[in-house]
Amino acid sequence: MFGGVETSNAITFPQTATYTTQANQMAYFPYIPNNTFTATSLAFNVTNAIATSKAKLCIYSHDGFNGPQTKLYESTEIDLSTSGSKTISVSFAFTKGTVYWFGLYTNIFNSQITALGAGSGGGLSIGFVGTTSILAWAQVSITYPTAPTTAGVNTFVSQAPLIRIK
């Protein structure tokens, strides 16, 4: 939020598509803010909780061409063993027009991540353009919980997780 105003139009009906986590894989997806602001939280919803499932949410710089580069932020471990809203408190400054790459990194296959439900407090959801999920880069064959300092994409995924920024 910037001065109490969201960085995009209000989201009335959140997307309902589901992202399925992959073990030891980082999914990277781009975000370009249309205002300069400092985020105070990042959030998503877990609908298929799996015992011992964990994740980390990272933010990477842009490589100047078409992908992520250097890690700028890494969350603490997020417990995906229970369903419901997962909120990460942050203080991350986004600069208008700069390309950032969110990275979601998990240890177990098949946790399900969706948008937060209606009435979840607003915010800007990223990972979709209209009703279509963006394609996302991925880095496979990395060992959780150590998130790469420098991204090394080697495949892509057709579904990006929906993350809410406030």
C-alpha atoms as a PDB file:
ATOM      1  CA  MET A   1       0.000   0.000   0.000  1.00  0.00           C
ATOM      2  CA  PHE A   2       1.155   3.489  -0.735  1.00  0.00           C
ATOM      3  CA  GLY A   3      -0.424   6.274   1.285  1.00  0.00           C
ATOM      4  CA  GLY A   4      -3.364   3.966   2.063  1.00  0.00           C
ATOM      5  CA  VAL A   5      -4.072   3.318  -1.625  1.00  0.00           C
ATOM      6  CA  GLU A   6      -3.557  -0.031  -3.310  1.00  0.00           C
ATOM      7  CA  THR A   7      -1.174  -0.209  -6.235  1.00  0.00           C
ATOM      8  CA  SER A   8      -3.833  -1.544  -8.604  1.00  0.00           C
ATOM      9  CA  ASN A   9      -7.557  -1.642  -9.016  1.00  0.00           C
ATOM     10  CA  ALA A  10      -9.432  -3.338  -6.197  1.00  0.00           C
ATOM     11  CA  ILE A  11      -9.852  -7.040  -6.699  1.00  0.00           C
ATOM     12  CA  THR A  12     -13.493  -7.978  -6.300  1.00  0.00           C
ATOM     13  CA  PHE A  13     -13.343 -11.607  -7.345  1.00  0.00           C
ATOM     14  CA  PRO A  14      -9.977 -13.291  -6.754  1.00  0.00           C
ATOM     15  CA  GLN A  15      -8.763 -15.927  -9.192  1.00  0.00           C
ATOM     16  CA  THR A  16      -9.573 -19.505  -8.265  1.00  0.00           C
ATOM     17  CA  ALA A  17      -6.825 -21.348 -10.149  1.00  0.00           C
ATOM     18  CA  THR A  18      -4.543 -23.598  -8.142  1.00  0.00           C
ATOM     19  CA  TYR A  19      -0.744 -23.834  -8.158  1.00  0.00           C
ATOM     20  CA  THR A  20       0.676 -27.244  -7.221  1.00  0.00           C
ATOM     21  CA  THR A  21       4.004 -27.138  -5.414  1.00  0.00           C
ATOM     22  CA  GLN A  22       6.938 -29.224  -6.586  1.00  0.00           C
ATOM     23  CA  ALA A  23       9.635 -30.664  -4.341  1.00  0.00           C
ATOM     24  CA  ASN A  24      12.993 -28.843  -4.485  1.00  0.00           C
ATOM     25  CA  GLN A  25      11.851 -26.485  -7.226  1.00  0.00           C
ATOM     26  CA  MET A  26      11.730 -22.688  -7.279  1.00  0.00           C
ATOM     27  CA  ALA A  27       8.990 -21.144  -9.434  1.00  0.00           C
ATOM     28  CA  TYR A  28       9.887 -17.591 -10.527  1.00  0.00           C
ATOM     29  CA  PHE A  29       7.278 -15.148 -11.796  1.00  0.00           C
ATOM     30  CA  PRO A  30       7.624 -11.451 -12.652  1.00  0.00           C
ATOM     31  CA  TYR A  31       6.075  -8.402 -11.038  1.00  0.00           C
ATOM     32  CA  ILE A  32       6.391  -4.777 -12.198  1.00  0.00           C
ATOM     33  CA  PRO A  33       4.844  -2.291  -9.743  1.00  0.00           C
ATOM     34  CA  ASN A  34       3.007   0.711 -11.169  1.00  0.00           C
ATOM     35  CA  ASN A  35       3.827   2.787  -8.058  1.00  0.00           C
ATOM     36  CA  THR A  36       6.756   3.031  -5.672  1.00  0.00           C
ATOM     37  CA  PHE A  37       5.689   1.628  -2.284  1.00  0.00           C
ATOM     38  CA  THR A  38       6.831  -0.451   0.667  1.00  0.00           C
ATOM     39  CA  ALA A  39       5.029  -3.760   1.098  1.00  0.00           C
ATOM     40  CA  THR A  40       4.129  -4.743   4.659  1.00  0.00           C
ATOM     41  CA  SER A  41       2.873  -8.266   3.970  1.00  0.00           C
ATOM     42  CA  LEU A  42       2.812 -11.040   1.391  1.00  0.00           C
ATOM     43  CA  ALA A  43       0.127 -13.717   1.563  1.00  0.00           C
ATOM     44  CA  PHE A  44      -1.375 -16.745  -0.145  1.00  0.00           C
ATOM     45  CA  ASN A  45      -3.860 -19.497   0.658  1.00  0.00           C
ATOM     46  CA  VAL A  46      -3.079 -23.197   1.154  1.00  0.00           C
ATOM     47  CA  THR A  47      -5.944 -25.537   0.219  1.00  0.00           C
ATOM     48  CA  ASN A  48      -4.206 -28.924   0.237  1.00  0.00           C
ATOM     49  CA  ALA A  49      -2.030 -29.105   3.318  1.00  0.00           C
ATOM     50  CA  ILE A  50       0.504 -31.903   3.616  1.00  0.00           C
ATOM     51  CA  ALA A  51       2.334 -32.875   6.805  1.00  0.00           C
ATOM     52  CA  THR A  52       5.914 -31.555   6.922  1.00  0.00           C
ATOM     53  CA  SER A  53       5.311 -29.335   3.856  1.00  0.00           C
ATOM     54  CA  LYS A  54       7.239 -26.061   3.990  1.00  0.00           C
ATOM     55  CA  ALA A  55       7.996 -23.145   1.689  1.00  0.00           C
ATOM     56  CA  LYS A  56      10.032 -19.980   1.357  1.00  0.00           C
ATOM     57  CA  LEU A  57       9.039 -16.906  -0.603  1.00  0.00           C
ATOM     58  CA  CYS A  58      11.870 -14.952  -2.222  1.00  0.00           C
ATOM     59  CA  ILE A  59      12.206 -11.814  -4.331  1.00  0.00           C
ATOM     60  CA  TYR A  60      14.890 -11.584  -7.039  1.00  0.00           C
ATOM     61  CA  SER A  61      16.205  -8.793  -9.233  1.00  0.00           C
ATOM     62  CA  HIS A  62      15.807  -8.844 -13.028  1.00  0.00           C
ATOM     63  CA  ASP A  63      18.667 -10.051 -15.226  1.00  0.00           C
ATOM     64  CA  GLY A  64      18.070  -7.264 -17.779  1.00  0.00           C
ATOM     65  CA  PHE A  65      16.921  -9.746 -20.390  1.00  0.00           C
ATOM     66  CA  ASN A  66      14.111 -12.162 -19.541  1.00  0.00           C
ATOM     67  CA  GLY A  67      14.584 -13.729 -16.134  1.00  0.00           C
ATOM     68  CA  PRO A  68      15.464 -13.481 -12.448  1.00  0.00           C
ATOM     69  CA  GLN A  69      18.984 -12.793 -11.230  1.00  0.00           C
ATOM     70  CA  THR A  70      20.045 -11.957  -7.646  1.00  0.00           C
ATOM     71  CA  LYS A  71      18.133 -12.748  -4.458  1.00  0.00           C
ATOM     72  CA  LEU A  72      16.966  -9.539  -2.730  1.00  0.00           C
ATOM     73  CA  TYR A  73      14.703 -11.034  -0.046  1.00  0.00           C
ATOM     74  CA  GLU A  74      14.058 -14.457   1.510  1.00  0.00           C
ATOM     75  CA  SER A  75      11.236 -15.160   3.952  1.00  0.00           C
ATOM     76  CA  THR A  76      11.489 -17.334   6.985  1.00  0.00           C
ATOM     77  CA  GLU A  77      10.099 -20.820   6.551  1.00  0.00           C
ATOM     78  CA  ILE A  78       6.342 -20.951   5.903  1.00  0.00           C
ATOM     79  CA  ASP A  79       4.435 -23.923   7.307  1.00  0.00           C
ATOM     80  CA  LEU A  80       2.198 -25.508   4.627  1.00  0.00           C
ATOM     81  CA  SER A  81       1.102 -28.419   6.841  1.00  0.00           C
ATOM     82  CA  THR A  82      -2.170 -26.640   7.652  1.00  0.00           C
ATOM     83  CA  SER A  83      -4.765 -25.157   5.301  1.00  0.00           C
ATOM     84  CA  GLY A  84      -5.660 -21.490   5.240  1.00  0.00           C
ATOM     85  CA  SER A  85      -4.137 -18.069   4.792  1.00  0.00           C
ATOM     86  CA  LYS A  86      -0.358 -17.752   5.138  1.00  0.00           C
ATOM     87  CA  THR A  87       0.850 -14.190   5.755  1.00  0.00           C
ATOM     88  CA  ILE A  88       4.483 -13.136   5.786  1.00  0.00           C
ATOM     89  CA  SER A  89       5.302  -9.784   7.396  1.00  0.00           C
ATOM     90  CA  VAL A  90       7.827  -7.828   5.337  1.00  0.00           C
ATOM     91  CA  SER A  91       9.204  -4.374   4.814  1.00  0.00           C
ATOM     92  CA  PHE A  92      10.259  -4.462   1.178  1.00  0.00           C
ATOM     93  CA  ALA A  93      10.502  -1.332  -0.974  1.00  0.00           C
ATOM     94  CA  PHE A  94       9.279  -1.750  -4.553  1.00  0.00           C
ATOM     95  CA  THR A  95      10.252   0.849  -7.161  1.00  0.00           C
ATOM     96  CA  LYS A  96       7.793   1.837  -9.888  1.00  0.00           C
ATOM     97  CA  GLY A  97       8.632   0.297 -13.272  1.00  0.00           C
ATOM     98  CA  THR A  98      11.330  -2.056 -11.926  1.00  0.00           C
ATOM     99  CA  VAL A  99      11.038  -5.758 -12.790  1.00  0.00           C
ATOM    100  CA  TYR A 100      11.084  -8.032  -9.730  1.00  0.00           C
ATOM    101  CA  TRP A 101      10.805 -11.808  -9.716  1.00  0.00           C
ATOM    102  CA  PHE A 102       8.960 -13.615  -6.936  1.00  0.00           C
ATOM    103  CA  GLY A 103      10.246 -17.084  -6.184  1.00  0.00           C
ATOM    104  CA  LEU A 104       8.257 -19.753  -4.361  1.00  0.00           C
ATOM    105  CA  TYR A 105      10.377 -22.645  -3.125  1.00  0.00           C
ATOM    106  CA  THR A 106       8.938 -25.778  -1.478  1.00  0.00           C
ATOM    107  CA  ASN A 107      10.113 -29.090  -0.109  1.00  0.00           C
ATOM    108  CA  ILE A 108       7.167 -31.359  -0.993  1.00  0.00           C
ATOM    109  CA  PHE A 109       5.040 -32.098  -4.056  1.00  0.00           C
ATOM    110  CA  ASN A 110       1.308 -31.406  -4.125  1.00  0.00           C
ATOM    111  CA  SER A 111       0.606 -28.666  -1.609  1.00  0.00           C
ATOM    112  CA  GLN A 112      -2.043 -26.532  -3.307  1.00  0.00           C
ATOM    113  CA  ILE A 113      -1.851 -22.724  -3.319  1.00  0.00           C
ATOM    114  CA  THR A 114      -4.735 -20.492  -4.376  1.00  0.00           C
ATOM    115  CA  ALA A 115      -5.812 -16.883  -4.061  1.00  0.00           C
ATOM    116  CA  LEU A 116      -7.069 -15.596  -0.757  1.00  0.00           C
ATOM    117  CA  GLY A 117     -10.851 -15.590  -0.507  1.00  0.00           C
ATOM    118  CA  ALA A 118     -13.192 -12.630  -0.743  1.00  0.00           C
ATOM    119  CA  GLY A 119     -13.073 -10.429   2.330  1.00  0.00           C
ATOM    120  CA  SER A 120      -9.409 -11.224   2.983  1.00  0.00           C
ATOM    121  CA  GLY A 121      -8.424  -7.583   3.324  1.00  0.00           C
ATOM    122  CA  GLY A 122      -7.741  -6.495  -0.225  1.00  0.00           C
ATOM    123  CA  GLY A 123      -4.295  -6.020  -1.654  1.00  0.00           C
ATOM    124  CA  LEU A 124      -2.700  -6.559  -5.013  1.00  0.00           C
ATOM    125  CA  SER A 125      -2.681 -10.129  -6.330  1.00  0.00           C
ATOM    126  CA  ILE A 126       0.077 -11.089  -8.740  1.00  0.00           C
ATOM    127  CA  GLY A 127       0.516 -14.197 -10.850  1.00  0.00           C
ATOM    128  CA  PHE A 128      -2.414 -13.581 -13.214  1.00  0.00           C
ATOM    129  CA  VAL A 129      -3.236 -11.247 -16.106  1.00  0.00           C
ATOM    130  CA  GLY A 130      -7.015 -10.973 -16.168  1.00  0.00           C
ATOM    131  CA  THR A 131      -8.195 -14.556 -15.818  1.00  0.00           C
ATOM    132  CA  THR A 132      -5.036 -16.161 -17.225  1.00  0.00           C
ATOM    133  CA  SER A 133      -2.091 -17.431 -15.190  1.00  0.00           C
ATOM    134  CA  ILE A 134       1.256 -16.102 -16.354  1.00  0.00           C
ATOM    135  CA  LEU A 135       3.935 -18.531 -17.466  1.00  0.00           C
ATOM    136  CA  ALA A 136       6.690 -18.775 -14.899  1.00  0.00           C
ATOM    137  CA  TRP A 137      10.320 -19.826 -15.006  1.00  0.00           C
ATOM    138  CA  ALA A 138      11.449 -22.616 -12.729  1.00  0.00           C
ATOM    139  CA  GLN A 139      14.692 -23.918 -11.316  1.00  0.00           C
ATOM    140  CA  VAL A 140      14.677 -27.646 -10.618  1.00  0.00           C
ATOM    141  CA  SER A 141      17.153 -29.913  -8.844  1.00  0.00           C
ATOM    142  CA  ILE A 142      17.931 -27.568  -5.959  1.00  0.00           C
ATOM    143  CA  THR A 143      17.898 -28.747  -2.374  1.00  0.00           C
ATOM    144  CA  TYR A 144      15.426 -27.171   0.043  1.00  0.00           C
ATOM    145  CA  PRO A 145      15.832 -25.110   2.280  1.00  0.00           C
ATOM    146  CA  THR A 146      18.758 -23.233   0.709  1.00  0.00           C
ATOM    147  CA  ALA A 147      17.309 -20.767  -1.808  1.00  0.00           C
ATOM    148  CA  PRO A 148      19.709 -19.896  -4.635  1.00  0.00           C
ATOM    149  CA  THR A 149      21.572 -16.595  -4.228  1.00  0.00           C
ATOM    150  CA  THR A 150      21.623 -16.294  -8.024  1.00  0.00           C
ATOM    151  CA  ALA A 151      18.724 -17.693 -10.036  1.00  0.00           C
ATOM    152  CA  GLY A 152      19.494 -20.411 -12.559  1.00  0.00           C
ATOM    153  CA  VAL A 153      16.305 -21.122 -14.467  1.00  0.00           C
ATOM    154  CA  ASN A 154      16.276 -24.360 -16.427  1.00  0.00           C
ATOM    155  CA  THR A 155      12.601 -24.969 -17.296  1.00  0.00           C
ATOM    156  CA  PHE A 156       9.217 -23.290 -17.064  1.00  0.00           C
ATOM    157  CA  VAL A 157       5.882 -23.917 -15.377  1.00  0.00           C
ATOM    158  CA  SER A 158       2.495 -23.064 -16.846  1.00  0.00           C
ATOM    159  CA  GLN A 159       0.865 -21.973 -13.589  1.00  0.00           C
ATOM    160  CA  ALA A 160       2.107 -19.255 -11.258  1.00  0.00           C
ATOM    161  CA  PRO A 161       1.094 -19.084  -7.595  1.00  0.00           C
ATOM    162  CA  LEU A 162      -1.146 -16.173  -6.654  1.00  0.00           C
ATOM    163  CA  ILE A 163       0.522 -13.935  -4.091  1.00  0.00           C
ATOM    164  CA  ARG A 164      -1.164 -10.957  -2.387  1.00  0.00           C
ATOM    165  CA  ILE A 165       0.971  -7.883  -1.704  1.00  0.00           C
ATOM    166  CA  LYS A 166      -0.111  -5.283   0.835  1.00  0.00           C
END
